[in-house]
Amino acid sequence: MPNITVELLAGRTLDQRRQFVQAVTEQAEAILGARRQDVRILFVEISGELVAKGGVLAVDAE
């Protein structure tokens, strides 16, 4: 059973998440041979105040 954890900045819409899990699940089936019902995806939302890239907080890079 594939367990896939996705870390992303908060703010994605429900529709974006639906599209993402559909696409990732299809690829897990095709590439890994996983059964659709066994693909588990967990979203971990990260606040822009808690992550930085290139020395700049994500909240300041917007």
PDB file of N, CA and C in Angstrom:
ATOM      1  N   MET A   1       0.844  -1.181   0.000  1.00  0.00           N
ATOM      2  CA  MET A   1       0.000   0.000   0.000  1.00  0.00           C
ATOM      3  C   MET A   1       0.885   1.238   0.000  1.00  0.00           C
ATOM      4  N   PRO A   2       0.844   2.037  -1.063  1.00  0.00           N
ATOM      5  CA  PRO A   2       1.613   3.267  -1.063  1.00  0.00           C
ATOM      6  C   PRO A   2       1.002   4.305  -0.121  1.00  0.00           C
ATOM      7  N   ASN A   3       1.836   4.862   0.735  1.00  0.00           N
ATOM      8  CA  ASN A   3       1.449   5.986   1.585  1.00  0.00           C
ATOM      9  C   ASN A   3       2.249   7.183   1.095  1.00  0.00           C
ATOM     10  N   ILE A   4       1.557   8.162   0.555  1.00  0.00           N
ATOM     11  CA  ILE A   4       2.210   9.316  -0.055  1.00  0.00           C
ATOM     12  C   ILE A   4       1.893  10.555   0.773  1.00  0.00           C
ATOM     13  N   THR A   5       2.940  11.226   1.251  1.00  0.00           N
ATOM     14  CA  THR A   5       2.768  12.444   2.031  1.00  0.00           C
ATOM     15  C   THR A   5       3.197  13.629   1.177  1.00  0.00           C
ATOM     16  N   VAL A   6       2.337  14.635   1.122  1.00  0.00           N
ATOM     17  CA  VAL A   6       2.590  15.824   0.310  1.00  0.00           C
ATOM     18  C   VAL A   6       2.624  17.037   1.229  1.00  0.00           C
ATOM     19  N   GLU A   7       3.771  17.711   1.282  1.00  0.00           N
ATOM     20  CA  GLU A   7       3.881  18.949   2.051  1.00  0.00           C
ATOM     21  C   GLU A   7       3.730  20.109   1.088  1.00  0.00           C
ATOM     22  N   LEU A   8       2.867  21.065   1.442  1.00  0.00           N
ATOM     23  CA  LEU A   8       2.672  22.222   0.581  1.00  0.00           C
ATOM     24  C   LEU A   8       2.215  23.411   1.394  1.00  0.00           C
ATOM     25  N   LEU A   9       2.446  24.578   0.825  1.00  0.00           N
ATOM     26  CA  LEU A   9       1.982  25.785   1.491  1.00  0.00           C
ATOM     27  C   LEU A   9       0.463  25.802   1.507  1.00  0.00           C
ATOM     28  N   ALA A  10      -0.097  26.285   2.573  1.00  0.00           N
ATOM     29  CA  ALA A  10      -1.551  26.379   2.706  1.00  0.00           C
ATOM     30  C   ALA A  10      -2.117  27.268   1.618  1.00  0.00           C
ATOM     31  N   GLY A  11      -3.368  26.988   1.238  1.00  0.00           N
ATOM     32  CA  GLY A  11      -4.034  27.861   0.286  1.00  0.00           C
ATOM     33  C   GLY A  11      -4.546  27.164  -0.957  1.00  0.00           C
ATOM     34  N   ARG A  12      -4.238  25.883  -1.134  1.00  0.00           N
ATOM     35  CA  ARG A  12      -4.763  25.171  -2.304  1.00  0.00           C
ATOM     36  C   ARG A  12      -6.254  24.936  -2.131  1.00  0.00           C
ATOM     37  N   THR A  13      -6.979  24.974  -3.227  1.00  0.00           N
ATOM     38  CA  THR A  13      -8.419  24.779  -3.165  1.00  0.00           C
ATOM     39  C   THR A  13      -8.755  23.292  -3.077  1.00  0.00           C
ATOM     40  N   LEU A  14      -9.976  23.019  -2.690  1.00  0.00           N
ATOM     41  CA  LEU A  14     -10.452  21.641  -2.629  1.00  0.00           C
ATOM     42  C   LEU A  14     -10.409  21.005  -4.019  1.00  0.00           C
ATOM     43  N   ASP A  15     -10.765  21.772  -5.041  1.00  0.00           N
ATOM     44  CA  ASP A  15     -10.732  21.247  -6.400  1.00  0.00           C
ATOM     45  C   ASP A  15      -9.308  20.902  -6.830  1.00  0.00           C
ATOM     46  N   GLN A  16      -8.336  21.727  -6.460  1.00  0.00           N
ATOM     47  CA  GLN A  16      -6.940  21.428  -6.786  1.00  0.00           C
ATOM     48  C   GLN A  16      -6.500  20.131  -6.110  1.00  0.00           C
ATOM     49  N   ARG A  17      -6.905  19.947  -4.871  1.00  0.00           N
ATOM     50  CA  ARG A  17      -6.549  18.715  -4.154  1.00  0.00           C
ATOM     51  C   ARG A  17      -7.204  17.500  -4.805  1.00  0.00           C
ATOM     52  N   ARG A  18      -8.454  17.651  -5.216  1.00  0.00           N
ATOM     53  CA  ARG A  18      -9.149  16.543  -5.895  1.00  0.00           C
ATOM     54  C   ARG A  18      -8.408  16.143  -7.165  1.00  0.00           C
ATOM     55  N   GLN A  19      -8.034  17.138  -7.960  1.00  0.00           N
ATOM     56  CA  GLN A  19      -7.311  16.859  -9.202  1.00  0.00           C
ATOM     57  C   GLN A  19      -5.967  16.196  -8.929  1.00  0.00           C
ATOM     58  N   PHE A  20      -5.283  16.689  -7.908  1.00  0.00           N
ATOM     59  CA  PHE A  20      -3.969  16.146  -7.561  1.00  0.00           C
ATOM     60  C   PHE A  20      -4.064  14.687  -7.133  1.00  0.00           C
ATOM     61  N   VAL A  21      -4.994  14.381  -6.230  1.00  0.00           N
ATOM     62  CA  VAL A  21      -5.087  12.992  -5.748  1.00  0.00           C
ATOM     63  C   VAL A  21      -5.517  12.049  -6.864  1.00  0.00           C
ATOM     64  N   GLN A  22      -6.340  12.531  -7.783  1.00  0.00           N
ATOM     65  CA  GLN A  22      -6.741  11.707  -8.920  1.00  0.00           C
ATOM     66  C   GLN A  22      -5.519  11.362  -9.774  1.00  0.00           C
ATOM     67  N   ALA A  23      -4.727  12.384 -10.112  1.00  0.00           N
ATOM     68  CA  ALA A  23      -3.547  12.183 -10.960  1.00  0.00           C
ATOM     69  C   ALA A  23      -2.502  11.302 -10.283  1.00  0.00           C
ATOM     70  N   VAL A  24      -2.235  11.551  -9.015  1.00  0.00           N
ATOM     71  CA  VAL A  24      -1.219  10.780  -8.300  1.00  0.00           C
ATOM     72  C   VAL A  24      -1.676   9.324  -8.129  1.00  0.00           C
ATOM     73  N   THR A  25      -2.940   9.137  -7.830  1.00  0.00           N
ATOM     74  CA  THR A  25      -3.468   7.783  -7.679  1.00  0.00           C
ATOM     75  C   THR A  25      -3.346   7.017  -8.992  1.00  0.00           C
ATOM     76  N   GLU A  26      -3.698   7.647 -10.099  1.00  0.00           N
ATOM     77  CA  GLU A  26      -3.578   6.993 -11.406  1.00  0.00           C
ATOM     78  C   GLU A  26      -2.140   6.590 -11.692  1.00  0.00           C
ATOM     79  N   GLN A  27      -1.197   7.461 -11.357  1.00  0.00           N
ATOM     80  CA  GLN A  27       0.213   7.141 -11.596  1.00  0.00           C
ATOM     81  C   GLN A  27       0.713   6.038 -10.659  1.00  0.00           C
ATOM     82  N   ALA A  28       0.244   6.020  -9.429  1.00  0.00           N
ATOM     83  CA  ALA A  28       0.627   4.947  -8.495  1.00  0.00           C
ATOM     84  C   ALA A  28       0.118   3.599  -9.011  1.00  0.00           C
ATOM     85  N   GLU A  29      -1.080   3.602  -9.577  1.00  0.00           N
ATOM     86  CA  GLU A  29      -1.615   2.379 -10.184  1.00  0.00           C
ATOM     87  C   GLU A  29      -0.752   1.942 -11.366  1.00  0.00           C
ATOM     88  N   ALA A  30      -0.473   2.869 -12.266  1.00  0.00           N
ATOM     89  CA  ALA A  30       0.248   2.548 -13.494  1.00  0.00           C
ATOM     90  C   ALA A  30       1.705   2.171 -13.253  1.00  0.00           C
ATOM     91  N   ILE A  31       2.387   2.923 -12.419  1.00  0.00           N
ATOM     92  CA  ILE A  31       3.822   2.729 -12.237  1.00  0.00           C
ATOM     93  C   ILE A  31       4.139   1.693 -11.164  1.00  0.00           C
ATOM     94  N   LEU A  32       3.419   1.755 -10.041  1.00  0.00           N
ATOM     95  CA  LEU A  32       3.711   0.868  -8.916  1.00  0.00           C
ATOM     96  C   LEU A  32       2.874  -0.411  -8.909  1.00  0.00           C
ATOM     97  N   GLY A  33       1.852  -0.441  -9.750  1.00  0.00           N
ATOM     98  CA  GLY A  33       0.966  -1.601  -9.744  1.00  0.00           C
ATOM     99  C   GLY A  33       0.084  -1.651  -8.508  1.00  0.00           C
ATOM    100  N   ALA A  34      -0.118  -0.498  -7.882  1.00  0.00           N
ATOM    101  CA  ALA A  34      -0.931  -0.429  -6.657  1.00  0.00           C
ATOM    102  C   ALA A  34      -2.409  -0.510  -7.006  1.00  0.00           C
ATOM    103  N   ARG A  35      -3.165  -1.080  -6.100  1.00  0.00           N
ATOM    104  CA  ARG A  35      -4.616  -1.054  -6.262  1.00  0.00           C
ATOM    105  C   ARG A  35      -5.105   0.326  -5.848  1.00  0.00           C
ATOM    106  N   ARG A  36      -6.043   0.865  -6.625  1.00  0.00           N
ATOM    107  CA  ARG A  36      -6.575   2.219  -6.378  1.00  0.00           C
ATOM    108  C   ARG A  36      -6.985   2.406  -4.917  1.00  0.00           C
ATOM    109  N   GLN A  37      -7.698   1.467  -4.369  1.00  0.00           N
ATOM    110  CA  GLN A  37      -8.211   1.587  -3.002  1.00  0.00           C
ATOM    111  C   GLN A  37      -7.106   1.524  -1.943  1.00  0.00           C
ATOM    112  N   ASP A  38      -5.892   1.149  -2.356  1.00  0.00           N
ATOM    113  CA  ASP A  38      -4.787   1.066  -1.400  1.00  0.00           C
ATOM    114  C   ASP A  38      -3.871   2.290  -1.410  1.00  0.00           C
ATOM    115  N   VAL A  39      -4.110   3.216  -2.326  1.00  0.00           N
ATOM    116  CA  VAL A  39      -3.275   4.416  -2.409  1.00  0.00           C
ATOM    117  C   VAL A  39      -3.780   5.433  -1.386  1.00  0.00           C
ATOM    118  N   ARG A  40      -2.900   5.786  -0.459  1.00  0.00           N
ATOM    119  CA  ARG A  40      -3.253   6.734   0.613  1.00  0.00           C
ATOM    120  C   ARG A  40      -2.407   7.980   0.448  1.00  0.00           C
ATOM    121  N   ILE A  41      -3.059   9.148   0.399  1.00  0.00           N
ATOM    122  CA  ILE A  41      -2.358  10.424   0.236  1.00  0.00           C
ATOM    123  C   ILE A  41      -2.709  11.325   1.414  1.00  0.00           C
ATOM    124  N   LEU A  42      -1.680  11.854   2.057  1.00  0.00           N
ATOM    125  CA  LEU A  42      -1.863  12.749   3.203  1.00  0.00           C
ATOM    126  C   LEU A  42      -1.279  14.112   2.849  1.00  0.00           C
ATOM    127  N   PHE A  43      -2.090  15.153   2.977  1.00  0.00           N
ATOM    128  CA  PHE A  43      -1.611  16.515   2.777  1.00  0.00           C
ATOM    129  C   PHE A  43      -1.184  17.095   4.122  1.00  0.00           C
ATOM    130  N   VAL A  44      -0.006  17.707   4.140  1.00  0.00           N
ATOM    131  CA  VAL A  44       0.473  18.421   5.320  1.00  0.00           C
ATOM    132  C   VAL A  44       0.634  19.870   4.894  1.00  0.00           C
ATOM    133  N   GLU A  45      -0.217  20.736   5.426  1.00  0.00           N
ATOM    134  CA  GLU A  45      -0.146  22.152   5.079  1.00  0.00           C
ATOM    135  C   GLU A  45       0.889  22.854   5.944  1.00  0.00           C
ATOM    136  N   ILE A  46       1.678  23.687   5.304  1.00  0.00           N
ATOM    137  CA  ILE A  46       2.721  24.434   5.998  1.00  0.00           C
ATOM    138  C   ILE A  46       2.414  25.924   5.840  1.00  0.00           C
ATOM    139  N   SER A  47       2.442  26.616   6.925  1.00  0.00           N
ATOM    140  CA  SER A  47       2.224  28.052   6.907  1.00  0.00           C
ATOM    141  C   SER A  47       3.447  28.754   6.315  1.00  0.00           C
ATOM    142  N   GLY A  48       3.215  29.827   5.581  1.00  0.00           N
ATOM    143  CA  GLY A  48       4.300  30.593   4.988  1.00  0.00           C
ATOM    144  C   GLY A  48       5.257  31.185   5.994  1.00  0.00           C
ATOM    145  N   GLU A  49       4.837  31.259   7.245  1.00  0.00           N
ATOM    146  CA  GLU A  49       5.722  31.761   8.295  1.00  0.00           C
ATOM    147  C   GLU A  49       6.681  30.690   8.796  1.00  0.00           C
ATOM    148  N   LEU A  50       6.465  29.448   8.381  1.00  0.00           N
ATOM    149  CA  LEU A  50       7.241  28.333   8.915  1.00  0.00           C
ATOM    150  C   LEU A  50       8.235  27.734   7.932  1.00  0.00           C
ATOM    151  N   VAL A  51       8.289  28.257   6.724  1.00  0.00           N
ATOM    152  CA  VAL A  51       9.206  27.706   5.727  1.00  0.00           C
ATOM    153  C   VAL A  51       9.890  28.843   4.968  1.00  0.00           C
ATOM    154  N   ALA A  52      11.158  28.629   4.658  1.00  0.00           N
ATOM    155  CA  ALA A  52      11.922  29.634   3.915  1.00  0.00           C
ATOM    156  C   ALA A  52      12.664  28.964   2.772  1.00  0.00           C
ATOM    157  N   LYS A  53      12.910  29.738   1.730  1.00  0.00           N
ATOM    158  CA  LYS A  53      13.692  29.262   0.602  1.00  0.00           C
ATOM    159  C   LYS A  53      14.609  30.399   0.181  1.00  0.00           C
ATOM    160  N   GLY A  54      15.880  30.101   0.052  1.00  0.00           N
ATOM    161  CA  GLY A  54      16.830  31.127  -0.366  1.00  0.00           C
ATOM    162  C   GLY A  54      16.965  32.247   0.630  1.00  0.00           C
ATOM    163  N   GLY A  55      16.756  31.955   1.899  1.00  0.00           N
ATOM    164  CA  GLY A  55      16.907  32.969   2.926  1.00  0.00           C
ATOM    165  C   GLY A  55      15.714  33.885   3.095  1.00  0.00           C
ATOM    166  N   VAL A  56      14.588  33.550   2.442  1.00  0.00           N
ATOM    167  CA  VAL A  56      13.392  34.382   2.529  1.00  0.00           C
ATOM    168  C   VAL A  56      12.211  33.519   2.967  1.00  0.00           C
ATOM    169  N   LEU A  57      11.478  33.984   3.984  1.00  0.00           N
ATOM    170  CA  LEU A  57      10.284  33.267   4.381  1.00  0.00           C
ATOM    171  C   LEU A  57       9.281  33.256   3.237  1.00  0.00           C
ATOM    172  N   ALA A  58       8.594  32.151   3.081  1.00  0.00           N
ATOM    173  CA  ALA A  58       7.614  32.016   2.000  1.00  0.00           C
ATOM    174  C   ALA A  58       6.564  33.128   2.055  1.00  0.00           C
ATOM    175  N   VAL A  59       6.175  33.531   3.242  1.00  0.00           N
ATOM    176  CA  VAL A  59       5.177  34.585   3.388  1.00  0.00           C
ATOM    177  C   VAL A  59       5.679  35.923   2.848  1.00  0.00           C
ATOM    178  N   ASP A  60       6.990  36.121   2.855  1.00  0.00           N
ATOM    179  CA  ASP A  60       7.562  37.370   2.352  1.00  0.00           C
ATOM    180  C   ASP A  60       7.846  37.304   0.858  1.00  0.00           C
ATOM    181  N   ALA A  61       7.868  36.121   0.299  1.00  0.00           N
ATOM    182  CA  ALA A  61       8.196  35.963  -1.123  1.00  0.00           C
ATOM    183  C   ALA A  61       6.965  36.129  -2.009  1.00  0.00           C
ATOM    184  N   GLU A  62       5.807  36.264  -1.420  1.00  0.00           N
ATOM    185  CA  GLU A  62       4.575  36.336  -2.207  1.00  0.00           C
ATOM    186  C   GLU A  62       4.389  37.635  -2.850  1.00  0.00           C
TER     187      GLU A  62
END
